[in-house]
N, C-alpha and C. Protein backbone atom coordinates (compact mmCIF):
# COMPACT_ATOMS: atom_id res chain seq x y z
N MET A 1 57.99 -15.35 -60.62
CA MET A 1 59.21 -14.76 -60.57
C MET A 1 58.86 -13.32 -60.82
N LEU A 2 58.16 -12.74 -61.97
CA LEU A 2 57.89 -11.56 -62.10
C LEU A 2 57.28 -11.07 -61.05
N ALA A 3 55.94 -11.82 -61.09
CA ALA A 3 54.98 -10.96 -59.89
C ALA A 3 55.40 -10.51 -58.17
N LEU A 4 56.51 -11.74 -58.28
CA LEU A 4 57.13 -11.69 -56.79
C LEU A 4 58.39 -10.24 -56.80
N LEU A 5 58.79 -10.10 -57.92
CA LEU A 5 59.61 -9.13 -58.05
C LEU A 5 59.15 -7.76 -57.88
N LEU A 6 57.69 -7.54 -58.94
CA LEU A 6 57.20 -6.51 -58.61
C LEU A 6 56.40 -6.30 -57.29
N GLY A 7 56.16 -7.38 -56.60
CA GLY A 7 55.52 -7.33 -55.09
C GLY A 7 56.48 -6.66 -54.29
N LEU A 8 57.58 -6.77 -54.61
CA LEU A 8 58.59 -6.31 -53.79
C LEU A 8 59.27 -4.94 -53.82
N GLY A 9 58.76 -4.30 -54.90
CA GLY A 9 59.24 -2.96 -55.43
C GLY A 9 60.14 -2.98 -56.63
N VAL A 10 60.46 -3.99 -57.10
CA VAL A 10 61.50 -4.22 -58.13
C VAL A 10 60.98 -4.38 -59.25
N SER A 11 61.22 -3.50 -60.22
CA SER A 11 60.78 -3.34 -61.48
C SER A 11 61.59 -4.12 -62.34
N VAL A 12 61.01 -4.87 -63.24
CA VAL A 12 61.94 -5.40 -64.53
C VAL A 12 60.90 -5.11 -66.20
N SER A 13 61.88 -5.15 -67.02
CA SER A 13 61.35 -4.77 -68.01
C SER A 13 61.30 -6.53 -69.03
N PRO A 14 60.93 -6.50 -70.33
CA PRO A 14 60.71 -7.62 -70.88
C PRO A 14 62.25 -7.45 -71.71
N PRO A 15 62.55 -8.92 -72.07
CA PRO A 15 64.07 -9.18 -72.79
C PRO A 15 63.90 -8.25 -74.23
N ARG A 16 65.15 -7.65 -74.43
CA ARG A 16 65.61 -6.76 -75.53
C ARG A 16 66.57 -7.48 -76.54
N LEU A 17 66.18 -7.40 -77.65
CA LEU A 17 67.50 -8.20 -78.60
C LEU A 17 68.00 -7.06 -79.40
N THR A 18 69.28 -6.74 -79.17
CA THR A 18 69.97 -5.54 -79.58
C THR A 18 70.31 -5.38 -81.12
N ALA A 19 70.85 -5.06 -81.67
CA ALA A 19 70.81 -4.67 -83.10
C ALA A 19 71.60 -6.41 -83.98
N GLN A 20 72.14 -6.85 -83.22
CA GLN A 20 72.62 -8.03 -84.02
C GLN A 20 71.79 -9.24 -83.07
N GLU A 21 70.98 -9.94 -84.14
CA GLU A 21 70.49 -11.01 -83.61
C GLU A 21 71.05 -11.88 -82.82
N GLY A 22 70.86 -12.54 -81.82
CA GLY A 22 71.24 -13.37 -81.11
C GLY A 22 72.17 -12.95 -79.56
N PHE A 23 72.21 -11.81 -79.81
CA PHE A 23 72.87 -11.07 -78.84
C PHE A 23 71.90 -10.72 -77.39
N VAL A 24 71.37 -11.17 -76.67
CA VAL A 24 70.10 -11.02 -75.68
C VAL A 24 70.61 -9.78 -74.15
N VAL A 25 69.71 -9.25 -74.02
CA VAL A 25 70.10 -8.20 -72.86
C VAL A 25 68.81 -8.18 -72.13
N LYS A 26 68.52 -9.13 -71.00
CA LYS A 26 67.31 -9.01 -70.32
C LYS A 26 67.69 -8.47 -69.10
N PRO A 27 66.85 -7.40 -68.64
CA PRO A 27 67.23 -6.67 -67.38
C PRO A 27 66.15 -7.58 -65.99
N VAL A 28 66.69 -8.00 -64.98
CA VAL A 28 66.08 -9.13 -64.29
C VAL A 28 65.72 -8.30 -63.01
N ALA A 29 65.89 -7.08 -62.71
CA ALA A 29 65.93 -6.52 -61.56
C ALA A 29 66.44 -4.88 -61.62
N GLU A 30 65.56 -4.09 -60.73
CA GLU A 30 66.08 -2.89 -60.73
C GLU A 30 65.44 -2.09 -59.73
N LYS A 31 65.87 -1.01 -59.07
CA LYS A 31 65.09 -0.24 -57.98
C LYS A 31 65.99 1.27 -57.92
N LYS A 32 65.07 2.40 -57.93
CA LYS A 32 65.82 3.48 -57.52
C LYS A 32 66.34 3.92 -56.10
N ILE A 33 67.07 4.50 -56.04
CA ILE A 33 67.63 4.69 -54.39
C ILE A 33 67.81 6.67 -54.90
N HIS A 34 67.85 7.15 -53.56
CA HIS A 34 67.99 8.57 -53.31
C HIS A 34 69.40 8.72 -52.97
N GLN A 35 70.19 7.88 -52.16
CA GLN A 35 71.01 8.12 -51.49
C GLN A 35 72.08 6.97 -51.52
N PRO A 36 72.86 6.86 -52.45
CA PRO A 36 74.12 5.98 -52.93
C PRO A 36 74.96 5.79 -51.39
N PRO A 37 75.64 4.76 -51.12
CA PRO A 37 76.56 4.28 -49.73
C PRO A 37 77.85 5.09 -50.06
N PRO A 38 78.43 5.84 -49.05
CA PRO A 38 79.50 6.32 -49.56
C PRO A 38 80.82 5.85 -50.41
N ALA A 39 81.52 6.55 -51.11
CA ALA A 39 82.51 5.80 -51.91
C ALA A 39 83.52 5.79 -51.20
N PRO A 40 84.50 4.93 -51.74
CA PRO A 40 84.31 3.62 -52.79
C PRO A 40 83.17 2.57 -52.91
N TRP A 41 82.28 2.68 -54.12
CA TRP A 41 81.41 1.49 -54.08
C TRP A 41 82.40 0.10 -54.74
N TYR A 42 81.83 -0.93 -54.31
CA TYR A 42 81.95 -2.25 -55.23
C TYR A 42 80.48 -3.23 -54.99
N TRP A 43 80.57 -3.53 -55.72
CA TRP A 43 79.11 -4.29 -56.03
C TRP A 43 79.78 -5.93 -55.54
N ARG A 44 79.18 -6.30 -54.49
CA ARG A 44 79.09 -7.79 -53.54
C ARG A 44 78.05 -8.47 -54.49
N ILE A 45 78.60 -9.90 -54.65
CA ILE A 45 77.64 -10.65 -55.39
C ILE A 45 77.71 -12.07 -54.51
N GLU A 46 76.61 -12.71 -54.14
CA GLU A 46 76.22 -13.74 -53.17
C GLU A 46 75.51 -14.49 -53.64
N ASN A 47 75.35 -15.89 -53.46
CA ASN A 47 74.26 -16.85 -53.48
C ASN A 47 73.46 -17.10 -52.12
N PHE A 48 72.51 -17.23 -52.50
CA PHE A 48 71.60 -17.97 -51.21
C PHE A 48 70.96 -19.35 -52.05
N PRO A 49 70.59 -19.98 -50.99
CA PRO A 49 69.87 -21.28 -51.58
C PRO A 49 68.45 -21.06 -51.88
N THR A 50 67.50 -20.21 -51.51
CA THR A 50 66.07 -19.69 -52.07
C THR A 50 66.03 -18.27 -52.28
N LEU A 51 65.31 -17.75 -53.00
CA LEU A 51 64.76 -16.31 -53.27
C LEU A 51 64.41 -15.76 -52.29
N ALA A 52 63.69 -16.38 -51.54
CA ALA A 52 63.19 -15.75 -50.32
C ALA A 52 63.94 -15.57 -49.15
N GLN A 53 65.06 -16.27 -48.94
CA GLN A 53 66.15 -16.10 -47.97
C GLN A 53 66.85 -14.75 -49.00
N ALA A 54 67.03 -14.65 -49.82
CA ALA A 54 67.82 -13.41 -50.49
C ALA A 54 67.04 -12.27 -50.43
N GLN A 55 65.39 -12.39 -50.50
CA GLN A 55 65.03 -11.40 -50.35
C GLN A 55 65.00 -10.80 -48.52
N SER A 56 64.75 -11.55 -47.90
CA SER A 56 64.80 -11.85 -46.69
C SER A 56 66.17 -10.95 -46.29
N ALA A 57 67.21 -11.08 -46.45
CA ALA A 57 68.69 -10.73 -46.27
C ALA A 57 68.72 -9.78 -46.90
N ALA A 58 67.67 -8.80 -48.17
CA ALA A 58 68.87 -7.60 -48.68
C ALA A 58 68.37 -6.17 -48.14
N GLY A 59 69.00 -5.58 -48.23
CA GLY A 59 69.48 -4.41 -47.44
C GLY A 59 68.92 -2.98 -48.52
N PRO A 60 69.06 -2.12 -48.39
CA PRO A 60 68.32 -0.98 -49.02
C PRO A 60 69.17 -0.68 -50.21
N MET A 61 70.84 -1.12 -50.50
CA MET A 61 71.22 -1.20 -51.58
C MET A 61 71.52 -2.49 -52.11
N SER A 62 70.59 -3.12 -52.04
CA SER A 62 70.66 -4.87 -52.59
C SER A 62 69.64 -5.27 -53.74
N LEU A 63 69.90 -6.15 -54.40
CA LEU A 63 68.78 -6.44 -55.57
C LEU A 63 68.60 -8.12 -55.43
N ALA A 64 67.74 -8.88 -54.97
CA ALA A 64 67.55 -10.22 -55.37
C ALA A 64 67.19 -10.94 -56.53
N VAL A 65 67.83 -11.78 -56.84
CA VAL A 65 67.09 -12.33 -58.50
C VAL A 65 67.21 -13.83 -58.49
N GLU A 66 66.50 -14.21 -59.40
CA GLU A 66 67.06 -15.62 -59.58
C GLU A 66 67.30 -15.65 -61.08
N ALA A 67 68.43 -16.01 -61.54
CA ALA A 67 69.08 -16.04 -62.79
C ALA A 67 70.08 -17.18 -63.19
N ALA A 68 70.25 -17.78 -64.08
CA ALA A 68 70.84 -18.82 -64.36
C ALA A 68 71.17 -19.77 -63.82
N GLY A 69 69.84 -20.06 -63.13
CA GLY A 69 69.43 -21.46 -62.25
C GLY A 69 70.00 -21.09 -60.89
N LYS A 70 70.39 -19.61 -60.66
CA LYS A 70 71.00 -19.73 -59.30
C LYS A 70 69.93 -18.40 -58.52
N VAL A 71 70.12 -18.41 -57.39
CA VAL A 71 69.59 -17.19 -56.37
C VAL A 71 70.80 -16.43 -56.14
N TRP A 72 70.91 -15.06 -56.76
CA TRP A 72 71.82 -14.05 -56.40
C TRP A 72 71.53 -12.91 -55.58
N LEU A 73 72.27 -12.35 -54.70
CA LEU A 73 72.21 -11.36 -54.06
C LEU A 73 73.44 -10.35 -54.59
N PHE A 74 72.74 -8.88 -54.95
CA PHE A 74 73.57 -7.83 -55.68
C PHE A 74 73.81 -6.99 -54.54
N THR A 75 74.81 -6.07 -54.02
CA THR A 75 74.79 -5.39 -52.87
C THR A 75 75.70 -4.18 -53.34
N LEU A 76 75.15 -3.06 -53.65
CA LEU A 76 76.27 -2.03 -53.73
C LEU A 76 76.76 -1.27 -52.42
N GLY A 77 78.11 -1.35 -52.09
CA GLY A 77 78.57 -0.74 -50.42
C GLY A 77 80.08 -0.82 -50.38
N PRO A 78 80.40 -0.43 -49.44
CA PRO A 78 81.98 -0.59 -49.18
C PRO A 78 82.54 -2.04 -49.32
N ARG A 79 83.95 -1.83 -49.50
CA ARG A 79 84.79 -2.82 -49.63
C ARG A 79 84.64 -4.05 -48.97
N GLY A 80 84.51 -5.33 -48.93
CA GLY A 80 84.61 -6.18 -47.51
C GLY A 80 83.37 -6.58 -46.71
N GLY A 81 82.25 -6.13 -47.17
CA GLY A 81 81.02 -6.46 -46.56
C GLY A 81 80.94 -7.87 -46.85
N SER A 82 79.93 -8.53 -45.84
CA SER A 82 79.05 -9.79 -45.91
C SER A 82 77.48 -9.83 -45.51
N THR A 83 76.91 -10.77 -45.86
CA THR A 83 75.23 -10.96 -45.61
C THR A 83 75.54 -12.27 -44.99
N PRO A 84 75.04 -12.21 -43.75
CA PRO A 84 75.00 -13.37 -42.98
C PRO A 84 74.06 -14.68 -43.77
N GLY A 85 74.16 -16.06 -43.81
CA GLY A 85 73.51 -16.79 -44.83
C GLY A 85 73.87 -16.93 -46.04
N ALA A 86 74.74 -15.66 -46.32
CA ALA A 86 74.94 -16.26 -47.97
C ALA A 86 76.54 -16.45 -48.13
N ALA A 87 76.70 -17.55 -49.47
CA ALA A 87 77.70 -18.04 -50.20
C ALA A 87 78.71 -16.71 -51.23
N LYS A 88 79.58 -16.16 -50.68
CA LYS A 88 80.17 -14.70 -51.32
C LYS A 88 80.81 -15.65 -52.89
N VAL A 89 80.44 -14.84 -53.62
CA VAL A 89 80.90 -15.20 -55.10
C VAL A 89 82.08 -14.40 -55.80
N ALA A 90 82.04 -12.85 -55.68
CA ALA A 90 82.79 -11.86 -55.90
C ALA A 90 82.50 -10.77 -55.51
N GLU A 91 83.63 -10.10 -55.45
CA GLU A 91 83.19 -8.53 -55.10
C GLU A 91 84.04 -7.85 -55.92
N ILE A 92 83.70 -6.87 -56.51
CA ILE A 92 83.98 -6.02 -57.89
C ILE A 92 84.23 -4.73 -57.72
N GLY A 93 85.24 -4.09 -58.03
CA GLY A 93 85.03 -2.66 -57.73
C GLY A 93 86.53 -2.20 -57.55
N PRO A 94 86.97 -1.15 -57.86
CA PRO A 94 85.86 0.27 -57.05
C PRO A 94 85.23 0.39 -58.42
N VAL A 95 84.10 0.75 -58.38
CA VAL A 95 82.96 0.99 -59.38
C VAL A 95 83.28 2.69 -59.66
N ALA A 96 83.45 3.09 -60.74
CA ALA A 96 83.36 4.59 -61.34
C ALA A 96 82.06 5.38 -60.70
N PRO A 97 82.18 6.15 -59.90
CA PRO A 97 80.97 6.72 -59.13
C PRO A 97 80.32 7.57 -59.74
N ILE A 98 78.95 8.02 -59.57
CA ILE A 98 78.54 9.17 -60.70
C ILE A 98 77.82 10.14 -59.37
N THR A 99 77.46 11.42 -59.81
CA THR A 99 76.53 12.10 -59.05
C THR A 99 75.52 12.54 -59.84
N ALA A 100 74.32 12.14 -58.83
CA ALA A 100 72.96 12.43 -59.50
C ALA A 100 72.06 12.79 -58.47
N SER A 101 70.79 13.14 -58.61
CA SER A 101 69.65 13.72 -57.50
C SER A 101 68.87 12.08 -57.16
N ASP A 102 69.05 11.18 -58.09
CA ASP A 102 68.32 9.77 -57.93
C ASP A 102 68.97 8.94 -58.71
N TYR A 103 69.32 7.54 -58.19
CA TYR A 103 70.29 6.91 -58.61
C TYR A 103 69.41 5.54 -59.16
N LEU A 104 69.46 4.70 -60.30
CA LEU A 104 69.31 3.72 -60.81
C LEU A 104 70.15 2.45 -60.65
N LEU A 105 69.62 1.30 -59.49
CA LEU A 105 70.50 0.23 -59.87
C LEU A 105 69.73 -1.11 -60.42
N ARG A 106 70.50 -1.43 -61.45
CA ARG A 106 70.00 -2.42 -62.30
C ARG A 106 70.91 -3.69 -62.27
N ILE A 107 70.21 -4.76 -62.47
CA ILE A 107 71.04 -5.91 -63.18
C ILE A 107 70.57 -6.52 -64.11
N ASN A 108 71.17 -7.05 -65.24
CA ASN A 108 71.06 -7.29 -66.48
C ASN A 108 71.46 -8.94 -66.70
N TYR A 109 70.76 -9.60 -67.35
CA TYR A 109 71.52 -11.07 -67.48
C TYR A 109 71.28 -10.98 -69.30
N VAL A 110 72.80 -11.04 -69.51
CA VAL A 110 73.09 -11.03 -71.22
C VAL A 110 73.66 -12.50 -71.68
N THR A 111 73.01 -12.79 -72.93
CA THR A 111 73.45 -14.21 -73.46
C THR A 111 73.96 -13.60 -74.82
N GLY A 112 74.77 -14.55 -75.47
CA GLY A 112 75.05 -14.70 -77.27
C GLY A 112 75.72 -15.64 -77.24
N PRO A 113 75.75 -16.04 -78.34
CA PRO A 113 76.82 -16.88 -79.22
C PRO A 113 77.51 -16.44 -78.93
N PRO A 114 79.06 -16.79 -79.56
CA PRO A 114 80.09 -16.60 -79.96
C PRO A 114 79.90 -15.17 -81.01
N GLY A 115 80.28 -14.46 -81.29
CA GLY A 115 81.00 -13.46 -82.31
C GLY A 115 79.73 -12.60 -82.24
N THR A 116 78.62 -12.52 -81.47
CA THR A 116 77.35 -11.25 -81.22
C THR A 116 78.02 -10.19 -80.64
N ARG A 117 77.39 -9.26 -80.66
CA ARG A 117 77.94 -7.94 -79.82
C ARG A 117 76.33 -7.34 -79.80
N THR A 118 76.80 -6.30 -79.02
CA THR A 118 76.21 -5.10 -78.93
C THR A 118 76.35 -3.97 -79.91
N PRO A 119 75.14 -3.19 -80.00
CA PRO A 119 75.65 -1.93 -80.83
C PRO A 119 76.70 -1.00 -79.92
N VAL A 120 77.02 0.03 -80.42
CA VAL A 120 78.03 1.01 -79.81
C VAL A 120 77.02 1.87 -78.82
N HIS A 121 77.10 2.26 -77.65
CA HIS A 121 76.13 2.71 -76.89
C HIS A 121 77.13 3.44 -75.61
N THR A 122 76.14 3.99 -74.79
CA THR A 122 76.65 4.80 -73.62
C THR A 122 76.06 4.42 -72.45
N HIS A 123 76.11 4.62 -71.21
CA HIS A 123 75.39 4.59 -69.96
C HIS A 123 75.65 5.98 -69.16
N PRO A 124 74.80 6.38 -68.73
CA PRO A 124 74.95 7.74 -67.41
C PRO A 124 75.25 7.23 -66.24
N GLY A 125 76.33 6.07 -66.24
CA GLY A 125 76.75 5.80 -65.05
C GLY A 125 77.69 4.45 -65.44
N SER A 126 77.77 3.91 -64.29
CA SER A 126 78.84 2.88 -64.38
C SER A 126 78.20 1.13 -64.59
N GLU A 127 79.21 0.59 -65.19
CA GLU A 127 78.86 -0.77 -65.79
C GLU A 127 79.58 -1.97 -65.01
N THR A 128 79.40 -3.00 -64.74
CA THR A 128 80.43 -3.85 -64.02
C THR A 128 79.93 -5.45 -64.56
N PHE A 129 80.58 -6.06 -64.72
CA PHE A 129 80.55 -7.48 -65.21
C PHE A 129 80.87 -8.86 -64.35
N TYR A 130 80.24 -9.83 -64.55
CA TYR A 130 80.36 -10.73 -63.95
C TYR A 130 80.40 -12.03 -64.92
N VAL A 131 80.96 -12.67 -65.45
CA VAL A 131 80.83 -13.96 -66.32
C VAL A 131 80.82 -15.18 -65.83
N LEU A 132 79.59 -15.96 -66.42
CA LEU A 132 79.37 -17.00 -65.95
C LEU A 132 79.79 -18.09 -67.20
N THR A 133 79.63 -18.02 -68.25
CA THR A 133 80.22 -18.60 -69.09
C THR A 133 80.61 -18.16 -70.32
N GLY A 134 81.71 -19.02 -70.98
CA GLY A 134 82.22 -17.87 -72.34
C GLY A 134 82.99 -16.86 -72.15
N ARG A 135 83.19 -15.88 -72.73
CA ARG A 135 84.28 -14.95 -72.56
C ARG A 135 83.46 -13.63 -73.18
N LEU A 136 83.43 -12.43 -71.95
CA LEU A 136 83.01 -11.46 -72.41
C LEU A 136 84.16 -10.24 -73.07
N GLY A 137 83.86 -9.56 -74.12
CA GLY A 137 85.04 -8.51 -74.45
C GLY A 137 84.04 -7.46 -74.20
N GLN A 138 85.01 -6.12 -73.95
CA GLN A 138 84.60 -4.75 -73.87
C GLN A 138 85.35 -3.78 -74.39
N LYS A 139 84.82 -3.20 -75.83
CA LYS A 139 85.69 -2.60 -76.63
C LYS A 139 85.15 -0.85 -76.30
N SER A 140 86.17 -0.01 -75.94
CA SER A 140 86.20 1.07 -75.97
C SER A 140 87.45 2.03 -76.67
N SER A 141 87.21 3.38 -76.84
CA SER A 141 88.52 4.14 -76.86
C SER A 141 89.55 3.71 -76.27
N GLN A 142 89.47 3.49 -74.72
CA GLN A 142 90.75 2.66 -74.36
C GLN A 142 91.35 1.35 -74.59
N GLY A 143 90.85 1.18 -75.79
CA GLY A 143 91.26 -0.72 -75.77
C GLY A 143 89.88 -1.56 -75.84
N VAL A 144 90.15 -2.73 -75.80
CA VAL A 144 89.55 -4.09 -75.50
C VAL A 144 89.67 -4.76 -74.46
N SER A 145 88.80 -4.98 -73.25
CA SER A 145 89.21 -5.94 -72.27
C SER A 145 88.35 -7.19 -72.42
N TYR A 146 89.11 -8.47 -71.95
CA TYR A 146 88.33 -9.68 -71.99
C TYR A 146 87.76 -10.04 -70.28
N VAL A 147 87.09 -10.66 -70.14
CA VAL A 147 86.76 -11.41 -68.71
C VAL A 147 86.50 -12.73 -69.00
N GLU A 148 86.89 -13.71 -68.62
CA GLU A 148 86.53 -15.07 -68.59
C GLU A 148 85.63 -15.61 -67.74
N ALA A 149 84.98 -16.73 -67.88
CA ALA A 149 83.92 -17.70 -67.13
C ALA A 149 84.51 -17.53 -65.72
N GLY A 150 83.72 -17.30 -64.70
CA GLY A 150 84.02 -17.06 -63.23
C GLY A 150 84.71 -16.31 -62.88
N GLN A 151 85.09 -14.91 -63.58
CA GLN A 151 85.70 -13.95 -63.73
C GLN A 151 85.21 -12.37 -63.22
N SER A 152 85.61 -11.42 -63.10
CA SER A 152 84.93 -10.14 -63.14
C SER A 152 85.48 -8.88 -63.57
N MET A 153 84.86 -8.04 -63.63
CA MET A 153 85.70 -6.69 -64.32
C MET A 153 84.53 -5.32 -63.83
N ALA A 154 85.32 -4.57 -63.25
CA ALA A 154 84.38 -3.10 -63.28
C ALA A 154 85.07 -2.57 -64.50
N GLY A 155 83.69 -2.17 -65.14
CA GLY A 155 83.91 -1.65 -66.78
C GLY A 155 84.03 -0.22 -66.90
N ARG A 156 83.64 0.45 -67.66
CA ARG A 156 84.57 2.34 -67.85
C ARG A 156 83.23 2.69 -67.02
N GLY A 157 83.47 4.17 -66.72
CA GLY A 157 82.79 4.83 -66.17
C GLY A 157 81.41 5.70 -66.87
N PRO A 158 80.97 6.87 -66.49
CA PRO A 158 79.87 7.36 -67.47
C PRO A 158 80.09 7.69 -68.52
N GLU A 159 79.32 7.83 -69.42
CA GLU A 159 79.32 8.34 -70.92
C GLU A 159 80.33 7.49 -71.87
N MET A 160 80.91 6.73 -71.38
CA MET A 160 82.34 5.90 -72.10
C MET A 160 81.65 5.37 -73.27
N PRO A 161 81.59 5.49 -74.48
CA PRO A 161 81.19 4.59 -75.72
C PRO A 161 81.83 3.16 -75.72
N MET A 162 80.58 2.33 -75.85
CA MET A 162 81.38 0.62 -75.63
C MET A 162 80.37 0.07 -76.34
N GLU A 163 81.16 -1.47 -76.71
CA GLU A 163 80.72 -2.31 -77.78
C GLU A 163 81.14 -3.69 -76.38
N VAL A 164 79.43 -4.19 -76.32
CA VAL A 164 79.86 -5.83 -75.52
C VAL A 164 79.65 -6.82 -76.44
N SER A 165 80.72 -7.82 -76.24
CA SER A 165 80.68 -9.06 -77.39
C SER A 165 80.70 -10.46 -76.27
N SER A 166 80.18 -11.31 -77.10
CA SER A 166 80.36 -12.51 -76.81
C SER A 166 81.41 -13.05 -77.53
N SER A 167 82.83 -13.22 -76.94
CA SER A 167 84.03 -13.36 -77.82
C SER A 167 85.06 -14.31 -77.55
N GLY A 168 84.29 -15.49 -77.11
CA GLY A 168 84.98 -16.94 -76.78
C GLY A 168 84.05 -17.92 -77.88
N THR A 169 84.50 -19.17 -77.47
CA THR A 169 84.44 -20.04 -78.21
C THR A 169 83.19 -20.61 -77.68
N SER A 170 82.55 -20.51 -76.53
CA SER A 170 81.25 -21.15 -76.13
C SER A 170 80.38 -19.66 -75.85
N ASP A 171 78.92 -20.08 -75.77
CA ASP A 171 78.09 -19.28 -75.39
C ASP A 171 78.32 -18.46 -74.38
N LEU A 172 78.10 -16.93 -74.41
CA LEU A 172 78.09 -15.99 -73.45
C LEU A 172 77.07 -16.01 -72.58
N LYS A 173 77.33 -16.06 -71.12
CA LYS A 173 76.41 -15.95 -70.14
C LYS A 173 76.79 -14.94 -68.98
N ALA A 174 76.37 -13.90 -68.78
CA ALA A 174 76.82 -12.91 -67.89
C ALA A 174 75.71 -12.37 -66.71
N LEU A 175 76.19 -11.83 -65.86
CA LEU A 175 75.40 -10.58 -64.94
C LEU A 175 76.17 -9.39 -65.32
N VAL A 176 75.30 -8.71 -65.22
CA VAL A 176 75.76 -6.77 -65.53
C VAL A 176 74.82 -6.30 -64.37
N MET A 177 75.85 -5.34 -63.62
CA MET A 177 75.68 -4.48 -62.40
C MET A 177 75.73 -3.36 -62.78
N PHE A 178 74.61 -2.26 -62.79
CA PHE A 178 74.77 -0.94 -63.03
C PHE A 178 74.29 0.12 -61.85
N VAL A 179 74.95 1.13 -62.07
CA VAL A 179 74.84 2.33 -61.11
C VAL A 179 74.41 3.67 -62.01
N VAL A 180 73.41 3.97 -62.50
CA VAL A 180 73.16 4.98 -63.27
C VAL A 180 72.14 6.28 -62.77
N ASP A 181 72.43 7.15 -63.05
CA ASP A 181 71.50 8.47 -63.20
C ASP A 181 70.06 8.07 -63.74
N ALA A 182 69.05 7.88 -62.55
CA ALA A 182 67.73 7.58 -62.88
C ALA A 182 67.21 8.81 -63.56
N SER A 183 67.39 10.00 -63.66
CA SER A 183 66.80 11.11 -64.36
C SER A 183 67.16 10.95 -66.18
N ARG A 184 68.38 10.24 -66.40
CA ARG A 184 68.17 10.04 -67.86
C ARG A 184 67.80 8.53 -68.49
N PRO A 185 68.24 8.55 -69.74
CA PRO A 185 68.02 7.58 -70.61
C PRO A 185 68.96 6.31 -69.89
N PHE A 186 68.47 4.96 -69.79
CA PHE A 186 69.69 4.18 -69.26
C PHE A 186 70.46 3.96 -70.30
N SER A 187 70.31 3.97 -71.80
CA SER A 187 71.36 3.64 -72.58
C SER A 187 71.01 4.40 -73.99
N SER A 188 72.28 4.98 -74.60
CA SER A 188 71.91 5.79 -75.56
C SER A 188 72.78 5.29 -76.45
N PRO A 189 72.47 5.31 -78.16
CA PRO A 189 73.46 5.18 -79.26
C PRO A 189 74.65 6.10 -78.96
N SER A 190 75.54 5.39 -79.47
CA SER A 190 76.66 6.21 -79.67
C SER A 190 77.77 5.77 -80.75
N LYS A 191 78.87 6.26 -81.10
CA LYS A 191 79.87 5.59 -81.97
C LYS A 191 81.57 6.08 -80.87
N PHE A 192 82.30 5.58 -81.61
CA PHE A 192 83.57 5.75 -81.28
C PHE A 192 84.34 6.94 -81.78
N GLN A 193 85.33 7.75 -80.91
CA GLN A 193 85.42 8.80 -81.59
C GLN A 193 86.92 8.67 -82.55
């Protein structure tokens, strides 16, 4: 699959463990864009029977990936869109907009047993969650939000210190969608104020 993604101009990085052993953040697809769609932005999540079909249907604001035993197409765009041949899973937004000269769209697959969490960090853009199993928690200076399996959440905006955790009684598996400033580090250590 890695060769397929790289052949399509989609780059991926190797899996990373966070400071707490067991919470795994694995980038599965990313690409740079120069011009985002008009705001407000929504992430549309759809399934396809095969990766080839998803790749064929992908537009300039889409990322096709295979993760958690399914084929996914993630598209950043206006509310209410659809892709021919796809089964719609969710539409999440509005996504907090950012302004940049170049943008990075990225999809991460995260897993972790109950109680594990990321270090406190920030992103130069927006983060959006879709939970497959377990329960995801996002702590910020604005409080703690939780998302259950089969549910989604548009996360906090750019530069918001946050900590993401596996907050349920079963293992967390989630897909995380990002729109960030491509000229800045993807993630930076931070502290709660």
